[in-house]
Amino acid sequence: MADYKSMYYRLFNRVADAITILQTAHQEGENAFVESQNDTVIRLAEKQDESEDS
């Protein structure tokens, strides 16, 4: 019989590890952006909702 409790804990820990990796990558990306020498900010136009045009 499969040990579902053990399998669940293993899955939970792996998912938690993946979340930590993604959070770290996100933070590193933000830090790289803040520390970059490029002071130019480009504002993108907002997409209009098609239902408002009707």
Protein backbone atom coordinates (compact mmCIF):
# COMPACT_ATOMS: atom_id res chain seq x y z
CA MET A 1 0.00 0.00 0.00
CA ALA A 2 1.27 3.45 -0.87
CA ASP A 3 2.44 5.71 1.93
CA TYR A 4 0.28 8.71 1.04
CA LYS A 5 1.30 10.72 4.10
CA SER A 6 4.97 10.48 3.13
CA MET A 7 4.17 11.30 -0.49
CA TYR A 8 2.12 14.34 0.56
CA TYR A 9 4.89 15.68 2.82
CA ARG A 10 7.45 15.21 0.06
CA LEU A 11 5.22 17.06 -2.42
CA PHE A 12 4.53 19.84 0.07
CA ASN A 13 8.23 20.35 0.73
CA ARG A 14 9.07 20.40 -2.97
CA VAL A 15 6.34 22.97 -3.66
CA ALA A 16 7.59 25.10 -0.78
CA ASP A 17 11.12 24.89 -2.22
CA ALA A 18 9.84 25.94 -5.66
CA ILE A 19 8.03 28.93 -4.16
CA THR A 20 11.20 30.01 -2.37
CA ILE A 21 13.20 29.74 -5.60
CA LEU A 22 10.64 31.86 -7.47
CA GLN A 23 10.51 34.48 -4.71
CA THR A 24 14.31 34.72 -4.69
CA ALA A 25 14.45 35.08 -8.48
CA HIS A 26 11.77 37.78 -8.34
CA GLN A 27 13.65 39.71 -5.65
CA GLU A 28 16.93 39.43 -7.57
CA GLY A 29 15.22 40.77 -10.69
CA GLU A 30 13.80 43.72 -8.77
CA ASN A 31 17.21 44.45 -7.25
CA ALA A 32 18.89 44.31 -10.66
CA PHE A 33 16.32 46.75 -12.04
CA VAL A 34 16.72 49.18 -9.16
CA GLU A 35 20.52 49.05 -9.35
CA SER A 36 20.68 49.43 -13.13
CA GLN A 37 22.07 52.61 -14.63
CA ASN A 38 19.16 52.96 -17.03
CA ASP A 39 17.03 55.78 -15.63
CA THR A 40 14.64 55.79 -18.58
CA VAL A 41 11.13 54.68 -17.71
CA ILE A 42 8.74 53.81 -20.50
CA ARG A 43 5.06 54.07 -19.69
CA LEU A 44 2.94 51.62 -21.58
CA ALA A 45 -0.53 52.59 -22.77
CA GLU A 46 -3.36 50.89 -20.95
CA LYS A 47 -5.46 48.48 -22.93
CA GLN A 48 -9.05 49.62 -23.15
CA ASP A 49 -11.77 47.15 -22.32
CA GLU A 50 -13.66 46.25 -25.50
CA SER A 51 -17.00 46.23 -23.64
CA GLU A 52 -16.68 49.98 -22.98
CA ASP A 53 -16.69 50.72 -26.72
CA SER A 54 -20.13 49.18 -27.29
